[in-house]
Amino acid sequence: MTRKDITSLRGTLDFLQREGEVIHVEKEVDPVYEIAGILKALEGGPAVIFDRIKGYPGARNVGNMFARMDRISKIFGVDDEKKLKFKFLESMKTPIPSVTVSQAPCQEVVLDKDVNVQATLPVIKHTTGDAGHIIGGGVQLVDERYFRGGTHLSFNRIFFRAPNWATIMAGPPTHLGVCLWVEHRRERVPVTINIGTPPAVSMIAGGGNIHMVIPTGSDELGMAGALQGAPVEIVKAKTVDTCCIAQSEWVIEGYFDPEVAWETEEAERIGKGGEAAFFPEWTGYMGRAFRFRKFQATAITHRRDNPIFFTPLAHSYEGENLIIALREACFYEVADRVMPGLVTDVHILHGLTVNGGVVFQVRKRRDWDEGYQRNILSAALGASPGLRLAIAVDEDVDIYNADDVLWALVTRVNPNTDILRGPTGGRGMLMQPMERRGGGLGGFEGGMGIDATIAFEERPQFERAKYPVDKVDLKKYFSPEELARALHSQDEYARVLAKRGW
């Protein structure tokens, strides 16, 4: 049996190829619109490898690799995708420190003269409204000198306005934003942008933003190591005093300069943030351009053999799945700190747009548990900047099915008493249009918590009618073909109801 190696992107793709999870596009594709169009048209489907990219001979591109949660679970050896968050939680609590190596695949080719990122890397253009070719799949690595003794990994949108300098969106309250704008504002901060990293690195970089659980100073490289079951290998960068991910496909080395710049020429012309279009955001709306610190590129390094670029679409199943598992783990930890054992599961439905909402499944054990579910909702609204919706439901509700959650809302919520308002006047998410209205930046109306649980003493009044599906054996009445055809015709919610007899 061939060993599964998930400590690199290409090793993981080899494994997924054997599992039938990958398709190849062998015809030449244009990085302008065609790659993004194909990936969006195959939303939630197989991983797609583009073997030939117009204008970039020898380079490849991959997308939709993280577009299915069951595929991610397969990568990390979890038998049930609903349990994936608990592996992330364990990795947060038992990190495996990274190891430094002297030679690395990511440095087989070193380009440190006349650096031109756009001409070298197959950066795509997502939509006709984009300001340019935006990098969305680069992982910024910040070392312990600039992260209170820990290591930080994050995805941030990157636009090279010139061959060798870019703007990278990073503002408080993100970890990178605190580093750049609060703690090291007047310093040059060396950083590497790692593209095509091991999947564990990508997953840790994508999630979180719940800093009471993952505070500044955490060893995020160590979390990735624990997630993949082996230390993440790092190597000294060639041109700046920091490290990069050794198993990356591409690395852009450089540093953040104290100088700031507008993200686009249009924004610079207008002279006002939040007006000029940029590229799609996780909200599903077009993002807007702002002003951030400049990143000066000093080198590009990459693998010699057909290096693979990574292109997650910002608003996509892949973009969301890169965030969901770690974020669910953080919310579970928040709930468990408020009242241990009360919350049995946590889920973020796709319609909640990862940073926008969360659903808690609550199991009240006795009458004095009553009310703690509201404490948990309040804690969640305060723990995550800009969280707009936190919902608590009982253990009989399928939190992985939006219809069942909606059913709980319309049958168990008293709008006069069960809707909680979060604190108003705080700061939210800059990329959320609702929080930029009226010319303000980052204004936040507080979010909303909904207690859709049954009061403990009223449970007898909410007994669910249960049909006798457990008393019949469908194989007795239908042939295998008939049964398969009948079950295939059911939609997702029908299957939920049929399985439990509701």
Foldseek 3Di string as FASTA:
>chain_A
DDDQDLQFLVSNVVVCVVVVQEDEDADEDELEAGVLVVPFVQFLGGKYKYQHYPLAPLAIAIECCLRHLVSVCVSLVHPDSQCLLVLLLVLQVFFDAAAEDAAFLQFPDKFQPPAFVVNHDSQHHNDPQALDRKDFAWWKWAALVQQVHAIAIATWIWDDPGRFKIFTDADPPDSVNCSCVPVALQHKGKIKTFFRGRLLSLLLRQADLLCVSVNRNGHSQRSSCSSNVHHFYWYADDPDGDIDGRNGAKMFTWIWHSDKDKRHPVCVVVVAWPPRFHADALLRDTFTIDMGTMTGTRMMTGRPRRRYGYDYDRHGSSSQSSYWSNHQSVLVVLLCVLPNPFFDGKGDESNCSNLAEIETEGEDDDQVCPPSVVVSQQSVLVRHAAHAEYEYEYPVFDPHDPVSVVVLCVPQFDVVPFKDFADAPDFHDQRDVVQCPPNDGRGHGGHMYGYSYHNPVCVVVVDDDFAPLVVDDVVVPDPPVVVVVVVVPDDDVVVVCNVGRD
